[in-house]
Amino acid sequence: MIRISRDDKKSKGAVGEAQQICDWEGCRKHGPHPAPAAPHLQAAGENNKRHFCSDHIASYNKSFDFFEGMDADDVDKYRRAAITGHRPTWNLGSRRAHEARATQYEDPLELLKGRGAQSKGSETLTPQTSAGQRRALDTLHLTPEAKAADIRKQYKVLVKKYHPDTNGGNRDYEERFQRTVQAYQYLRASGFC
């Protein structure tokens, strides 16, 4: 018969903490109170806690600065990564659905009557386009029946037409240029071109 013994972590921790000396400079008292070390001082595999006596733990906690020693860029990177819990992310809808649909399977014997891989340029927009997609198409002077190749072609034409460099630095076309770029990016994120 196998018996599972309880691992009493509190008793082990008490022994380890009893041996700790206060990390406050010049103090040699017993340090039973753990506190986090600054992240830039933490190394892999090391104990990432500091221990303090009752006299110094409150002072340390009041003066603790998580971002101490980090420059503004590191703080900004940490802040951005904290939004997603420091997990990797990617843009949703950035042509992934179309690519998966186009490369999901091939039908060399045409058993599924053309539902297999499709060419990217021949795909047309469905009549069920959203209001945002219709606005983006209107900005590009296109109809919902436009093909992906037509959208790219019209985008290139309008960018050349409205770009400030092609208009001698005239700022009158700048707002149209920005709307054109935003409309194309919206359609692209939707998976249409």
Protein backbone atom coordinates (compact mmCIF):
# COMPACT_ATOMS: atom_id res chain seq x y z
CA MET A 1 0.00 0.00 0.00
CA ILE A 2 1.32 3.40 -0.99
CA ARG A 3 0.92 6.21 1.49
CA ILE A 4 1.13 9.81 0.50
CA SER A 5 2.81 11.90 3.12
CA ARG A 6 1.82 15.52 3.50
CA ASP A 7 4.57 17.92 2.68
CA ASP A 8 4.40 20.43 5.47
CA LYS A 9 5.76 23.51 3.71
CA LYS A 10 5.08 25.80 6.65
CA SER A 11 7.45 23.91 8.91
CA LYS A 12 10.16 23.89 6.22
CA GLY A 13 9.62 27.60 5.57
CA ALA A 14 9.86 28.36 9.26
CA VAL A 15 13.26 26.69 9.44
CA GLY A 16 14.48 28.60 6.36
CA GLU A 17 13.14 31.90 7.61
CA ALA A 18 14.64 31.36 11.06
CA GLN A 19 18.08 31.40 9.47
CA GLN A 20 17.46 34.64 7.56
CA ILE A 21 19.21 37.81 8.62
CA CYS A 22 17.70 41.22 7.92
CA ASP A 23 18.80 42.54 4.49
CA TRP A 24 18.75 46.15 5.69
CA GLU A 25 22.23 47.62 5.48
CA GLY A 26 23.97 47.43 8.83
CA CYS A 27 21.24 45.38 10.56
CA ARG A 28 22.09 41.93 11.93
CA LYS A 29 18.69 41.07 13.46
CA HIS A 30 16.54 38.09 12.58
CA GLY A 31 14.61 38.75 9.30
CA PRO A 32 11.38 36.72 9.28
CA HIS A 33 9.45 39.10 6.98
CA PRO A 34 9.92 38.34 3.25
CA ALA A 35 9.57 41.10 0.67
CA PRO A 36 9.96 41.08 -3.12
CA ALA A 37 13.20 42.16 -4.69
CA ALA A 38 13.15 44.65 -7.56
CA PRO A 39 12.65 42.78 -10.88
CA HIS A 40 15.94 43.94 -12.38
CA LEU A 41 17.74 42.45 -9.36
CA GLN A 42 16.03 39.09 -9.75
CA ALA A 43 18.06 36.45 -11.53
CA ALA A 44 16.90 33.08 -12.79
CA GLY A 45 17.14 30.40 -10.17
CA GLU A 46 17.91 32.77 -7.31
CA ASN A 47 15.76 33.51 -4.32
CA ASN A 48 13.79 36.55 -5.42
CA LYS A 49 12.91 37.66 -1.91
CA ARG A 50 14.60 39.82 0.62
CA HIS A 51 14.06 39.37 4.33
CA PHE A 52 13.72 42.11 6.91
CA CYS A 53 13.27 42.45 10.62
CA SER A 54 10.18 44.02 12.16
CA ASP A 55 11.93 47.40 12.43
CA HIS A 56 12.80 47.66 8.72
CA ILE A 57 10.01 45.88 6.79
CA ALA A 58 7.65 48.88 6.91
CA SER A 59 10.36 51.26 5.68
CA TYR A 60 11.28 48.92 2.83
CA ASN A 61 7.65 48.48 1.75
CA LYS A 62 7.06 52.25 1.76
CA SER A 63 10.15 52.93 -0.33
CA PHE A 64 9.82 49.92 -2.68
CA ASP A 65 9.79 50.99 -6.34
CA PHE A 66 9.07 48.17 -8.78
CA PHE A 67 10.54 50.16 -11.70
CA GLU A 68 13.69 51.31 -9.91
CA GLY A 69 16.70 51.05 -12.19
CA MET A 70 14.62 50.77 -15.39
CA ASP A 71 14.75 53.43 -18.07
CA ALA A 72 11.59 54.90 -19.64
CA ASP A 73 11.65 52.44 -22.56
CA ASP A 74 11.78 49.42 -20.23
CA VAL A 75 8.91 50.81 -18.15
CA ASP A 76 6.84 51.39 -21.29
CA LYS A 77 7.56 47.86 -22.58
CA TYR A 78 6.55 46.40 -19.23
CA ARG A 79 3.36 48.49 -19.15
CA ARG A 80 2.35 47.34 -22.65
CA ALA A 81 3.10 43.70 -21.88
CA ALA A 82 1.14 43.89 -18.61
CA ILE A 83 -2.04 44.64 -20.56
CA THR A 84 -2.05 41.08 -21.88
CA GLY A 85 -0.50 39.46 -18.83
CA HIS A 86 2.94 39.27 -20.48
CA ARG A 87 1.61 36.75 -23.00
CA PRO A 88 2.28 36.82 -26.77
CA THR A 89 -0.46 38.38 -28.89
CA TRP A 90 -1.28 38.94 -32.56
CA ASN A 91 -3.74 41.03 -34.52
CA LEU A 92 -7.12 39.43 -35.02
CA GLY A 93 -8.50 39.29 -38.53
CA SER A 94 -5.26 40.13 -40.23
CA ARG A 95 -5.91 37.99 -43.29
CA ARG A 96 -5.70 34.78 -41.27
CA ALA A 97 -9.24 33.58 -41.99
CA HIS A 98 -8.80 33.96 -45.74
CA GLU A 99 -5.44 32.17 -45.70
CA ALA A 100 -6.85 29.28 -43.68
CA ARG A 101 -9.86 29.01 -45.96
CA ALA A 102 -7.69 29.11 -49.10
CA THR A 103 -5.13 26.55 -47.93
CA GLN A 104 -7.25 24.29 -45.79
CA TYR A 105 -7.35 21.49 -48.34
CA GLU A 106 -6.88 20.82 -52.03
CA ASP A 107 -9.37 19.05 -54.27
CA PRO A 108 -7.35 17.74 -57.25
CA LEU A 109 -10.22 15.50 -58.40
CA GLU A 110 -12.78 18.31 -57.92
CA LEU A 111 -14.88 16.06 -55.74
CA LEU A 112 -16.08 18.99 -53.67
CA LYS A 113 -16.97 21.10 -56.73
CA GLY A 114 -14.53 23.98 -56.31
CA ARG A 115 -14.68 24.37 -52.54
CA GLY A 116 -10.94 23.67 -52.27
CA ALA A 117 -8.08 26.11 -52.50
CA GLN A 118 -9.00 29.35 -54.21
CA SER A 119 -6.85 31.97 -55.82
CA LYS A 120 -6.54 35.07 -53.69
CA GLY A 121 -7.18 37.58 -56.47
CA SER A 122 -10.37 36.01 -57.77
CA GLU A 123 -12.29 36.15 -54.51
CA THR A 124 -15.12 38.68 -54.47
CA LEU A 125 -16.73 40.25 -51.45
CA THR A 126 -19.94 38.68 -50.29
CA PRO A 127 -23.17 40.68 -50.34
CA GLN A 128 -23.15 40.41 -46.54
CA THR A 129 -20.52 43.10 -46.09
CA SER A 130 -20.68 45.05 -42.85
CA ALA A 131 -21.40 48.75 -42.62
CA GLY A 132 -17.72 49.46 -41.92
CA GLN A 133 -16.67 47.48 -44.97
CA ARG A 134 -19.19 49.35 -47.13
CA ARG A 135 -17.86 52.70 -45.85
CA ALA A 136 -14.30 51.59 -46.60
CA LEU A 137 -15.32 50.52 -50.11
CA ASP A 138 -17.10 53.85 -50.65
CA THR A 139 -13.93 55.67 -49.60
CA LEU A 140 -12.04 53.70 -52.24
CA HIS A 141 -14.84 54.36 -54.80
CA LEU A 142 -15.64 50.64 -55.12
CA THR A 143 -18.75 48.45 -54.94
CA PRO A 144 -19.24 45.39 -52.70
CA GLU A 145 -18.69 43.16 -55.74
CA ALA A 146 -15.06 44.31 -56.04
CA LYS A 147 -12.37 41.66 -56.15
CA ALA A 148 -9.32 41.71 -53.89
CA ALA A 149 -7.10 42.60 -56.85
CA ASP A 150 -9.40 45.52 -57.71
CA ILE A 151 -9.19 46.82 -54.15
CA ARG A 152 -5.39 46.75 -54.19
CA LYS A 153 -5.27 48.40 -57.60
CA GLN A 154 -7.68 51.20 -56.62
CA TYR A 155 -5.79 51.75 -53.36
CA LYS A 156 -2.52 52.27 -55.25
CA VAL A 157 -4.19 54.73 -57.63
CA LEU A 158 -5.72 56.79 -54.81
CA VAL A 159 -2.54 56.80 -52.73
CA LYS A 160 -0.59 58.17 -55.68
CA LYS A 161 -3.33 60.74 -56.31
CA TYR A 162 -3.66 62.03 -52.72
CA HIS A 163 -0.12 61.64 -51.37
CA PRO A 164 1.34 65.04 -50.32
CA ASP A 165 4.62 64.36 -52.13
CA THR A 166 2.85 64.01 -55.48
CA ASN A 167 0.87 67.21 -54.87
CA GLY A 168 3.85 69.46 -54.26
CA GLY A 169 3.38 69.37 -50.48
CA ASN A 170 -0.24 70.56 -50.71
CA ARG A 171 -1.89 69.64 -47.39
CA ASP A 172 -5.43 69.84 -48.83
CA TYR A 173 -5.28 66.18 -49.87
CA GLU A 174 -3.80 64.93 -46.59
CA GLU A 175 -7.17 64.07 -44.99
CA ARG A 176 -8.28 62.17 -48.11
CA PHE A 177 -4.96 60.34 -48.12
CA GLN A 178 -5.39 59.31 -44.48
CA ARG A 179 -8.98 58.13 -45.06
CA THR A 180 -7.81 56.09 -48.05
CA VAL A 181 -5.06 54.39 -46.04
CA GLN A 182 -7.43 53.68 -43.13
CA ALA A 183 -10.08 52.24 -45.45
CA TYR A 184 -7.57 49.91 -47.09
CA GLN A 185 -6.18 48.80 -43.73
CA TYR A 186 -9.71 48.08 -42.51
CA LEU A 187 -10.50 45.96 -45.57
CA ARG A 188 -7.16 44.21 -45.27
CA ALA A 189 -7.74 43.41 -41.59
CA SER A 190 -11.15 42.04 -42.56
CA GLY A 191 -9.40 39.58 -44.88
CA PHE A 192 -10.54 40.96 -48.23
CA CYS A 193 -7.24 41.93 -49.80
